[in-house]
Amino acid sequence: MSVDVLMSLSILKALCGKLGWKHVWLATTQWTFIPAGHDEDKHPIGQASKGLEEREAHLKDVYWKECLEGGAHYRRIQGHSSERALIGDILTSLGDMDDNLVGFAIQKELQQDRLAFPNTETGKAMKSCLMRALEEEIKSGGDRERIEALKRQHKELTKTAQPKRRFARKQ
């Protein structure tokens, strides 16, 4: 997996927290596509090859392990019927949600704990990801504009904003 994908996954983990995974749906798509030069008799459309099944297992056992163990859902999409089934499952799960329940870690941190975004787990994960992206860009001799943009984003996120305090008006 690319560094960008791994960073996105770390941000997703911070957003969800341990209790939010039950609201997350992970899916693989277009894994039945047969590249040019492959024998369709060995890998008929609608049936994943052994290599694809191994990649899928690796995703589930390594990259998505924490998500799935925390209650995230997984589906393999293989055409319109499985797309519709996934959408149906998502809509059903939304109907089962308790409206008063704060499900994701970011919601709890912002609403209940009243943390400023940079102080949340998601804010910390984003700062870390921006720093890694900046280091990678510098190491590779990357685009100067991108390097400056990453520096600005990291600096902005590093500012520790205080949560707004609400004061009662004096009568």
N, C-alpha and C. Protein backbone atom coordinates (compact mmCIF):
# COMPACT_ATOMS: atom_id res chain seq x y z
N MET A 1 0.84 -1.18 0.00
CA MET A 1 0.00 0.00 0.00
C MET A 1 0.88 1.23 0.00
N SER A 2 0.39 2.28 -0.66
CA SER A 2 1.17 3.51 -0.73
C SER A 2 1.13 4.24 0.61
N VAL A 3 2.09 5.14 0.78
CA VAL A 3 2.16 5.93 2.01
C VAL A 3 0.89 6.74 2.19
N ASP A 4 0.37 7.32 1.10
CA ASP A 4 -0.86 8.12 1.18
C ASP A 4 -2.04 7.29 1.69
N VAL A 5 -2.15 6.06 1.22
CA VAL A 5 -3.25 5.20 1.66
C VAL A 5 -3.08 4.85 3.14
N LEU A 6 -1.87 4.55 3.55
CA LEU A 6 -1.62 4.24 4.96
C LEU A 6 -1.91 5.44 5.85
N MET A 7 -1.56 6.63 5.38
CA MET A 7 -1.85 7.83 6.16
C MET A 7 -3.36 8.04 6.25
N SER A 8 -4.06 7.83 5.16
CA SER A 8 -5.52 7.97 5.18
C SER A 8 -6.14 6.98 6.15
N LEU A 9 -5.62 5.78 6.18
CA LEU A 9 -6.13 4.76 7.10
C LEU A 9 -5.87 5.17 8.56
N SER A 10 -4.71 5.76 8.84
CA SER A 10 -4.44 6.19 10.22
C SER A 10 -5.38 7.33 10.62
N ILE A 11 -5.72 8.21 9.69
CA ILE A 11 -6.68 9.28 9.99
C ILE A 11 -8.06 8.68 10.21
N LEU A 12 -8.44 7.71 9.39
CA LEU A 12 -9.74 7.05 9.57
C LEU A 12 -9.82 6.39 10.95
N LYS A 13 -8.74 5.74 11.37
CA LYS A 13 -8.72 5.10 12.69
C LYS A 13 -8.91 6.14 13.79
N ALA A 14 -8.26 7.30 13.65
CA ALA A 14 -8.39 8.34 14.66
C ALA A 14 -9.81 8.92 14.66
N LEU A 15 -10.39 9.09 13.49
CA LEU A 15 -11.76 9.62 13.39
C LEU A 15 -12.76 8.70 14.09
N CYS A 16 -12.61 7.42 13.87
CA CYS A 16 -13.59 6.46 14.36
C CYS A 16 -13.43 6.14 15.84
N GLY A 17 -12.21 5.96 16.28
CA GLY A 17 -12.01 5.50 17.64
C GLY A 17 -12.51 4.07 17.77
N LYS A 18 -12.45 3.54 18.96
CA LYS A 18 -12.82 2.14 19.17
C LYS A 18 -14.31 1.88 19.01
N LEU A 19 -15.14 2.84 19.35
CA LEU A 19 -16.58 2.61 19.30
C LEU A 19 -17.20 2.92 17.94
N GLY A 20 -16.50 3.64 17.09
CA GLY A 20 -17.07 4.06 15.83
C GLY A 20 -16.99 3.06 14.69
N TRP A 21 -16.22 1.99 14.86
CA TRP A 21 -16.01 1.05 13.76
C TRP A 21 -17.29 0.40 13.28
N LYS A 22 -18.27 0.24 14.16
CA LYS A 22 -19.50 -0.43 13.74
C LYS A 22 -20.27 0.39 12.71
N HIS A 23 -19.88 1.64 12.51
CA HIS A 23 -20.52 2.50 11.52
C HIS A 23 -19.71 2.61 10.23
N VAL A 24 -18.63 1.83 10.12
CA VAL A 24 -17.74 1.92 8.96
C VAL A 24 -17.93 0.70 8.07
N TRP A 25 -17.97 0.97 6.77
CA TRP A 25 -18.12 -0.09 5.76
C TRP A 25 -16.92 -0.04 4.83
N LEU A 26 -16.21 -1.14 4.71
CA LEU A 26 -15.07 -1.26 3.81
C LEU A 26 -15.47 -2.19 2.67
N ALA A 27 -15.03 -1.87 1.47
CA ALA A 27 -15.41 -2.71 0.33
C ALA A 27 -14.29 -2.75 -0.70
N THR A 28 -14.21 -3.85 -1.40
CA THR A 28 -13.33 -3.97 -2.55
C THR A 28 -14.21 -3.98 -3.79
N THR A 29 -13.72 -3.35 -4.85
CA THR A 29 -14.51 -3.27 -6.09
C THR A 29 -13.65 -3.65 -7.28
N GLN A 30 -14.31 -4.10 -8.33
CA GLN A 30 -13.70 -4.42 -9.62
C GLN A 30 -12.57 -5.44 -9.49
N TRP A 31 -12.69 -6.36 -8.57
CA TRP A 31 -11.67 -7.38 -8.40
C TRP A 31 -11.91 -8.57 -9.30
N THR A 32 -12.95 -8.51 -10.10
CA THR A 32 -13.19 -9.60 -11.05
C THR A 32 -12.70 -9.22 -12.44
N PHE A 33 -12.13 -8.03 -12.58
CA PHE A 33 -11.60 -7.59 -13.86
C PHE A 33 -10.44 -8.49 -14.26
N ILE A 34 -10.45 -8.94 -15.50
CA ILE A 34 -9.39 -9.82 -15.99
C ILE A 34 -8.49 -9.00 -16.91
N PRO A 35 -7.23 -8.76 -16.50
CA PRO A 35 -6.33 -7.96 -17.33
C PRO A 35 -6.08 -8.62 -18.69
N ALA A 36 -5.76 -7.80 -19.68
CA ALA A 36 -5.45 -8.32 -21.02
C ALA A 36 -4.31 -9.32 -20.93
N GLY A 37 -4.41 -10.39 -21.68
CA GLY A 37 -3.36 -11.40 -21.69
C GLY A 37 -3.60 -12.53 -20.71
N HIS A 38 -4.62 -12.44 -19.88
CA HIS A 38 -4.94 -13.52 -18.95
C HIS A 38 -5.99 -14.43 -19.56
N ASP A 39 -5.93 -15.66 -19.21
CA ASP A 39 -6.85 -16.67 -19.74
C ASP A 39 -8.18 -16.60 -19.01
N GLU A 40 -9.24 -16.19 -19.73
CA GLU A 40 -10.55 -16.07 -19.10
C GLU A 40 -11.11 -17.41 -18.65
N ASP A 41 -10.64 -18.51 -19.26
CA ASP A 41 -11.13 -19.82 -18.85
C ASP A 41 -10.64 -20.16 -17.44
N LYS A 42 -9.44 -19.68 -17.10
CA LYS A 42 -8.91 -19.95 -15.76
C LYS A 42 -9.52 -19.02 -14.72
N HIS A 43 -9.88 -17.81 -15.12
CA HIS A 43 -10.43 -16.81 -14.20
C HIS A 43 -11.72 -16.24 -14.79
N PRO A 44 -12.81 -16.98 -14.76
CA PRO A 44 -14.04 -16.47 -15.35
C PRO A 44 -14.53 -15.22 -14.62
N ILE A 45 -15.20 -14.36 -15.38
CA ILE A 45 -15.75 -13.14 -14.78
C ILE A 45 -16.72 -13.54 -13.67
N GLY A 46 -16.63 -12.83 -12.54
CA GLY A 46 -17.47 -13.15 -11.39
C GLY A 46 -16.77 -14.03 -10.38
N GLN A 47 -15.58 -14.50 -10.71
CA GLN A 47 -14.84 -15.36 -9.79
C GLN A 47 -13.44 -14.78 -9.64
N ALA A 48 -13.07 -14.43 -8.43
CA ALA A 48 -11.75 -13.83 -8.20
C ALA A 48 -10.66 -14.89 -8.33
N SER A 49 -9.54 -14.48 -8.88
CA SER A 49 -8.42 -15.41 -8.98
C SER A 49 -7.80 -15.61 -7.61
N LYS A 50 -6.95 -16.62 -7.50
CA LYS A 50 -6.29 -16.90 -6.23
C LYS A 50 -5.47 -15.70 -5.76
N GLY A 51 -4.79 -15.03 -6.70
CA GLY A 51 -3.99 -13.86 -6.34
C GLY A 51 -4.84 -12.74 -5.75
N LEU A 52 -6.02 -12.53 -6.32
CA LEU A 52 -6.91 -11.50 -5.79
C LEU A 52 -7.44 -11.89 -4.42
N GLU A 53 -7.74 -13.16 -4.24
CA GLU A 53 -8.21 -13.62 -2.93
C GLU A 53 -7.11 -13.45 -1.88
N GLU A 54 -5.86 -13.67 -2.28
CA GLU A 54 -4.74 -13.47 -1.35
C GLU A 54 -4.59 -12.00 -1.00
N ARG A 55 -4.74 -11.11 -1.99
CA ARG A 55 -4.67 -9.67 -1.72
C ARG A 55 -5.79 -9.24 -0.78
N GLU A 56 -6.98 -9.77 -1.03
CA GLU A 56 -8.13 -9.45 -0.19
C GLU A 56 -7.88 -9.92 1.25
N ALA A 57 -7.37 -11.14 1.39
CA ALA A 57 -7.08 -11.68 2.72
C ALA A 57 -6.01 -10.82 3.41
N HIS A 58 -5.01 -10.36 2.66
CA HIS A 58 -3.96 -9.52 3.23
C HIS A 58 -4.54 -8.20 3.73
N LEU A 59 -5.43 -7.60 2.94
CA LEU A 59 -6.09 -6.37 3.38
C LEU A 59 -6.81 -6.60 4.70
N LYS A 60 -7.59 -7.68 4.75
CA LYS A 60 -8.41 -7.96 5.92
C LYS A 60 -7.56 -8.36 7.13
N ASP A 61 -6.48 -9.09 6.90
CA ASP A 61 -5.67 -9.61 8.01
C ASP A 61 -4.60 -8.63 8.49
N VAL A 62 -4.23 -7.66 7.65
CA VAL A 62 -3.17 -6.73 8.03
C VAL A 62 -3.70 -5.30 8.14
N TYR A 63 -4.03 -4.70 7.01
CA TYR A 63 -4.37 -3.28 7.00
C TYR A 63 -5.71 -2.98 7.67
N TRP A 64 -6.70 -3.82 7.45
CA TRP A 64 -8.03 -3.58 7.99
C TRP A 64 -8.32 -4.37 9.25
N LYS A 65 -7.34 -5.07 9.77
CA LYS A 65 -7.55 -5.98 10.91
C LYS A 65 -8.18 -5.25 12.09
N GLU A 66 -7.58 -4.15 12.50
CA GLU A 66 -8.08 -3.40 13.65
C GLU A 66 -9.50 -2.90 13.40
N CYS A 67 -9.76 -2.45 12.19
CA CYS A 67 -11.09 -1.95 11.83
C CYS A 67 -12.13 -3.07 11.95
N LEU A 68 -11.83 -4.21 11.34
CA LEU A 68 -12.77 -5.32 11.32
C LEU A 68 -12.97 -5.91 12.71
N GLU A 69 -11.89 -6.02 13.48
CA GLU A 69 -12.02 -6.52 14.86
C GLU A 69 -12.83 -5.56 15.72
N GLY A 70 -12.80 -4.28 15.36
CA GLY A 70 -13.57 -3.28 16.10
C GLY A 70 -15.03 -3.21 15.69
N GLY A 71 -15.41 -3.98 14.68
CA GLY A 71 -16.82 -4.01 14.29
C GLY A 71 -17.12 -3.45 12.91
N ALA A 72 -16.11 -3.00 12.17
CA ALA A 72 -16.35 -2.51 10.81
C ALA A 72 -16.88 -3.66 9.95
N HIS A 73 -17.61 -3.30 8.92
CA HIS A 73 -18.21 -4.29 8.02
C HIS A 73 -17.39 -4.35 6.74
N TYR A 74 -17.37 -5.51 6.11
CA TYR A 74 -16.65 -5.67 4.85
C TYR A 74 -17.54 -6.34 3.82
N ARG A 75 -17.46 -5.86 2.59
CA ARG A 75 -18.17 -6.49 1.47
C ARG A 75 -17.27 -6.48 0.24
N ARG A 76 -17.38 -7.53 -0.53
CA ARG A 76 -16.73 -7.59 -1.84
C ARG A 76 -17.82 -7.23 -2.85
N ILE A 77 -17.59 -6.19 -3.63
CA ILE A 77 -18.58 -5.77 -4.62
C ILE A 77 -18.22 -6.42 -5.95
N GLN A 78 -19.18 -7.17 -6.48
CA GLN A 78 -18.98 -7.87 -7.75
C GLN A 78 -20.16 -7.65 -8.67
N GLY A 79 -20.51 -6.43 -8.91
CA GLY A 79 -21.61 -6.15 -9.82
C GLY A 79 -22.73 -5.39 -9.13
N HIS A 80 -23.75 -5.08 -9.93
CA HIS A 80 -24.83 -4.22 -9.46
C HIS A 80 -25.62 -4.82 -8.30
N SER A 81 -25.83 -6.12 -8.30
CA SER A 81 -26.62 -6.70 -7.21
C SER A 81 -25.89 -6.58 -5.88
N SER A 82 -24.57 -6.76 -5.87
CA SER A 82 -23.85 -6.62 -4.61
C SER A 82 -23.71 -5.15 -4.21
N GLU A 83 -23.68 -4.24 -5.19
CA GLU A 83 -23.68 -2.81 -4.87
C GLU A 83 -24.98 -2.44 -4.18
N ARG A 84 -26.10 -2.90 -4.74
CA ARG A 84 -27.40 -2.61 -4.13
C ARG A 84 -27.52 -3.24 -2.75
N ALA A 85 -26.99 -4.44 -2.59
CA ALA A 85 -27.04 -5.10 -1.29
C ALA A 85 -26.24 -4.31 -0.26
N LEU A 86 -25.07 -3.81 -0.65
CA LEU A 86 -24.25 -3.01 0.26
C LEU A 86 -24.99 -1.74 0.66
N ILE A 87 -25.57 -1.05 -0.30
CA ILE A 87 -26.32 0.17 0.02
C ILE A 87 -27.49 -0.15 0.94
N GLY A 88 -28.17 -1.25 0.68
CA GLY A 88 -29.27 -1.67 1.56
C GLY A 88 -28.79 -1.93 2.97
N ASP A 89 -27.65 -2.61 3.10
CA ASP A 89 -27.09 -2.89 4.43
C ASP A 89 -26.72 -1.60 5.17
N ILE A 90 -26.14 -0.65 4.44
CA ILE A 90 -25.76 0.62 5.05
C ILE A 90 -27.00 1.37 5.52
N LEU A 91 -28.01 1.45 4.67
CA LEU A 91 -29.24 2.15 5.04
C LEU A 91 -29.93 1.48 6.22
N THR A 92 -29.93 0.16 6.25
CA THR A 92 -30.52 -0.57 7.38
C THR A 92 -29.77 -0.25 8.66
N SER A 93 -28.44 -0.22 8.59
CA SER A 93 -27.65 0.06 9.79
C SER A 93 -27.88 1.49 10.28
N LEU A 94 -28.11 2.43 9.36
CA LEU A 94 -28.40 3.81 9.76
C LEU A 94 -29.73 3.89 10.49
N GLY A 95 -30.70 3.11 10.04
CA GLY A 95 -32.00 3.09 10.69
C GLY A 95 -31.94 2.50 12.09
N ASP A 96 -30.95 1.64 12.33
CA ASP A 96 -30.80 0.99 13.64
C ASP A 96 -30.01 1.84 14.63
N MET A 97 -29.44 2.96 14.18
CA MET A 97 -28.59 3.77 15.05
C MET A 97 -29.42 4.54 16.07
N ASP A 98 -28.86 4.70 17.24
CA ASP A 98 -29.46 5.51 18.29
C ASP A 98 -29.08 6.96 18.02
N ASP A 99 -30.08 7.82 17.82
CA ASP A 99 -29.81 9.22 17.48
C ASP A 99 -29.02 9.96 18.55
N ASN A 100 -29.11 9.54 19.78
CA ASN A 100 -28.42 10.23 20.87
C ASN A 100 -27.01 9.70 21.09
N LEU A 101 -26.65 8.66 20.40
CA LEU A 101 -25.35 8.04 20.59
C LEU A 101 -24.28 8.77 19.80
N VAL A 102 -23.22 9.16 20.47
CA VAL A 102 -22.07 9.72 19.78
C VAL A 102 -21.22 8.53 19.38
N GLY A 103 -21.14 8.27 18.08
CA GLY A 103 -20.52 7.05 17.62
C GLY A 103 -19.05 7.15 17.28
N PHE A 104 -18.60 8.29 16.83
CA PHE A 104 -17.22 8.40 16.40
C PHE A 104 -16.40 9.18 17.43
N ALA A 105 -15.13 8.82 17.53
CA ALA A 105 -14.25 9.45 18.51
C ALA A 105 -14.17 10.96 18.30
N ILE A 106 -14.12 11.39 17.04
CA ILE A 106 -14.00 12.83 16.76
C ILE A 106 -15.22 13.59 17.30
N GLN A 107 -16.40 12.98 17.22
CA GLN A 107 -17.60 13.63 17.75
C GLN A 107 -17.49 13.81 19.26
N LYS A 108 -17.07 12.77 19.94
CA LYS A 108 -16.94 12.84 21.39
C LYS A 108 -15.90 13.89 21.79
N GLU A 109 -14.77 13.88 21.10
CA GLU A 109 -13.70 14.82 21.45
C GLU A 109 -14.11 16.27 21.23
N LEU A 110 -14.82 16.52 20.14
CA LEU A 110 -15.22 17.90 19.84
C LEU A 110 -16.44 18.34 20.65
N GLN A 111 -17.44 17.47 20.77
CA GLN A 111 -18.69 17.86 21.43
C GLN A 111 -18.64 17.71 22.94
N GLN A 112 -18.27 16.54 23.40
CA GLN A 112 -18.32 16.29 24.84
C GLN A 112 -17.07 16.77 25.56
N ASP A 113 -15.90 16.46 25.01
CA ASP A 113 -14.65 16.84 25.66
C ASP A 113 -14.27 18.29 25.35
N ARG A 114 -14.92 18.87 24.34
CA ARG A 114 -14.71 20.26 23.92
C ARG A 114 -13.24 20.55 23.59
N LEU A 115 -12.60 19.61 22.93
CA LEU A 115 -11.22 19.80 22.50
C LEU A 115 -11.18 20.61 21.21
N ALA A 116 -10.14 21.39 21.06
CA ALA A 116 -9.90 22.04 19.77
C ALA A 116 -9.43 20.96 18.81
N PHE A 117 -9.75 21.10 17.53
CA PHE A 117 -9.43 20.06 16.56
C PHE A 117 -7.97 19.61 16.60
N PRO A 118 -6.99 20.53 16.67
CA PRO A 118 -5.60 20.06 16.69
C PRO A 118 -5.26 19.15 17.87
N ASN A 119 -6.07 19.21 18.94
CA ASN A 119 -5.80 18.41 20.13
C ASN A 119 -6.54 17.08 20.13
N THR A 120 -7.36 16.83 19.12
CA THR A 120 -8.06 15.55 19.02
C THR A 120 -7.12 14.50 18.45
N GLU A 121 -7.50 13.24 18.58
CA GLU A 121 -6.68 12.16 18.00
C GLU A 121 -6.59 12.32 16.48
N THR A 122 -7.68 12.78 15.87
CA THR A 122 -7.66 13.00 14.42
C THR A 122 -6.71 14.13 14.06
N GLY A 123 -6.75 15.21 14.83
CA GLY A 123 -5.83 16.32 14.59
C GLY A 123 -4.38 15.88 14.73
N LYS A 124 -4.11 15.08 15.76
CA LYS A 124 -2.75 14.57 15.96
C LYS A 124 -2.33 13.65 14.82
N ALA A 125 -3.26 12.80 14.36
CA ALA A 125 -2.95 11.90 13.24
C ALA A 125 -2.69 12.70 11.97
N MET A 126 -3.47 13.75 11.76
CA MET A 126 -3.27 14.58 10.57
C MET A 126 -1.93 15.29 10.62
N LYS A 127 -1.56 15.80 11.80
CA LYS A 127 -0.25 16.45 11.94
C LYS A 127 0.87 15.47 11.62
N SER A 128 0.74 14.26 12.15
CA SER A 128 1.75 13.23 11.90
C SER A 128 1.82 12.88 10.41
N CYS A 129 0.67 12.74 9.78
CA CYS A 129 0.63 12.41 8.35
C CYS A 129 1.21 13.53 7.50
N LEU A 130 0.89 14.77 7.85
CA LEU A 130 1.45 15.90 7.11
C LEU A 130 2.97 15.93 7.26
N MET A 131 3.46 15.64 8.46
CA MET A 131 4.91 15.63 8.68
C MET A 131 5.57 14.52 7.85
N ARG A 132 4.94 13.34 7.83
CA ARG A 132 5.49 12.24 7.02
C ARG A 132 5.48 12.59 5.54
N ALA A 133 4.38 13.19 5.08
CA ALA A 133 4.29 13.58 3.67
C ALA A 133 5.34 14.63 3.34
N LEU A 134 5.54 15.57 4.24
CA LEU A 134 6.56 16.61 4.05
C LEU A 134 7.95 15.99 3.99
N GLU A 135 8.25 15.09 4.91
CA GLU A 135 9.55 14.42 4.91
C GLU A 135 9.78 13.64 3.62
N GLU A 136 8.74 12.92 3.16
CA GLU A 136 8.85 12.16 1.91
C GLU A 136 9.07 13.08 0.72
N GLU A 137 8.36 14.19 0.71
CA GLU A 137 8.48 15.14 -0.41
C GLU A 137 9.88 15.75 -0.44
N ILE A 138 10.40 16.11 0.72
CA ILE A 138 11.75 16.69 0.79
C ILE A 138 12.79 15.64 0.39
N LYS A 139 12.64 14.42 0.92
CA LYS A 139 13.58 13.34 0.62
C LYS A 139 13.64 13.04 -0.88
N SER A 140 12.48 13.10 -1.54
CA SER A 140 12.44 12.77 -2.96
C SER A 140 12.79 13.97 -3.85
N GLY A 141 13.10 15.12 -3.22
CA GLY A 141 13.41 16.31 -4.00
C GLY A 141 12.20 16.82 -4.74
N GLY A 142 11.06 16.72 -4.09
CA GLY A 142 9.77 17.03 -4.71
C GLY A 142 9.55 18.49 -5.05
N ASP A 143 8.37 18.74 -5.50
CA ASP A 143 7.91 20.04 -5.94
C ASP A 143 7.96 21.06 -4.79
N ARG A 144 8.62 22.19 -5.03
CA ARG A 144 8.78 23.22 -4.00
C ARG A 144 7.43 23.78 -3.54
N GLU A 145 6.49 23.96 -4.46
CA GLU A 145 5.16 24.47 -4.08
C GLU A 145 4.45 23.50 -3.15
N ARG A 146 4.54 22.21 -3.45
CA ARG A 146 3.91 21.20 -2.59
C ARG A 146 4.56 21.20 -1.22
N ILE A 147 5.88 21.31 -1.17
CA ILE A 147 6.59 21.34 0.11
C ILE A 147 6.12 22.54 0.94
N GLU A 148 6.03 23.70 0.31
CA GLU A 148 5.58 24.90 1.03
C GLU A 148 4.13 24.76 1.49
N ALA A 149 3.29 24.16 0.66
CA ALA A 149 1.88 23.96 1.03
C ALA A 149 1.78 23.01 2.23
N LEU A 150 2.57 21.94 2.22
CA LEU A 150 2.57 21.00 3.35
C LEU A 150 3.06 21.69 4.63
N LYS A 151 4.07 22.52 4.50
CA LYS A 151 4.58 23.26 5.67
C LYS A 151 3.49 24.18 6.23
N ARG A 152 2.78 24.89 5.34
CA ARG A 152 1.71 25.79 5.79
C ARG A 152 0.60 25.01 6.48
N GLN A 153 0.21 23.88 5.88
CA GLN A 153 -0.85 23.07 6.47
C GLN A 153 -0.45 22.54 7.85
N HIS A 154 0.79 22.08 7.96
CA HIS A 154 1.27 21.57 9.24
C HIS A 154 1.30 22.68 10.28
N LYS A 155 1.80 23.85 9.89
CA LYS A 155 1.87 24.99 10.82
C LYS A 155 0.48 25.38 11.29
N GLU A 156 -0.47 25.44 10.36
CA GLU A 156 -1.85 25.81 10.70
C GLU A 156 -2.46 24.80 11.67
N LEU A 157 -2.21 23.54 11.43
CA LEU A 157 -2.77 22.49 12.28
C LEU A 157 -2.08 22.43 13.63
N THR A 158 -0.83 22.88 13.69
CA THR A 158 -0.07 22.84 14.93
C THR A 158 -0.49 23.94 15.90
N LYS A 159 -1.10 24.99 15.36
CA LYS A 159 -1.59 26.04 16.25
C LYS A 159 -2.58 25.41 17.22
N THR A 160 -2.38 25.64 18.47
CA THR A 160 -3.30 25.05 19.46
C THR A 160 -4.39 26.05 19.78
N ALA A 161 -5.50 25.85 19.13
CA ALA A 161 -6.66 26.70 19.38
C ALA A 161 -7.34 26.24 20.66
N GLN A 162 -7.84 27.17 21.40
CA GLN A 162 -8.58 26.85 22.62
C GLN A 162 -10.05 26.70 22.26
N PRO A 163 -10.75 25.79 22.94
CA PRO A 163 -12.18 25.66 22.66
C PRO A 163 -12.90 26.94 23.04
N LYS A 164 -13.94 27.24 22.28
CA LYS A 164 -14.72 28.44 22.57
C LYS A 164 -15.46 28.23 23.89
N ARG A 165 -15.43 29.23 24.71
CA ARG A 165 -16.15 29.16 25.97
C ARG A 165 -17.43 29.96 25.83
N ARG A 166 -18.46 29.42 26.37
CA ARG A 166 -19.75 30.10 26.31
C ARG A 166 -20.00 30.77 27.65
N PHE A 167 -20.26 32.05 27.57
CA PHE A 167 -20.53 32.80 28.78
C PHE A 167 -21.98 33.22 28.79
N ALA A 168 -22.57 33.15 29.95
CA ALA A 168 -23.95 33.62 30.08
C ALA A 168 -23.94 35.14 30.12
N ARG A 169 -24.89 35.73 29.44
CA ARG A 169 -24.98 37.19 29.45
C ARG A 169 -25.50 37.66 30.79
N LYS A 170 -24.92 38.76 31.24
CA LYS A 170 -25.41 39.35 32.49
C LYS A 170 -26.68 40.12 32.18
N GLN A 171 -27.65 39.95 33.00
CA GLN A 171 -28.94 40.63 32.81
C GLN A 171 -28.96 41.95 33.50
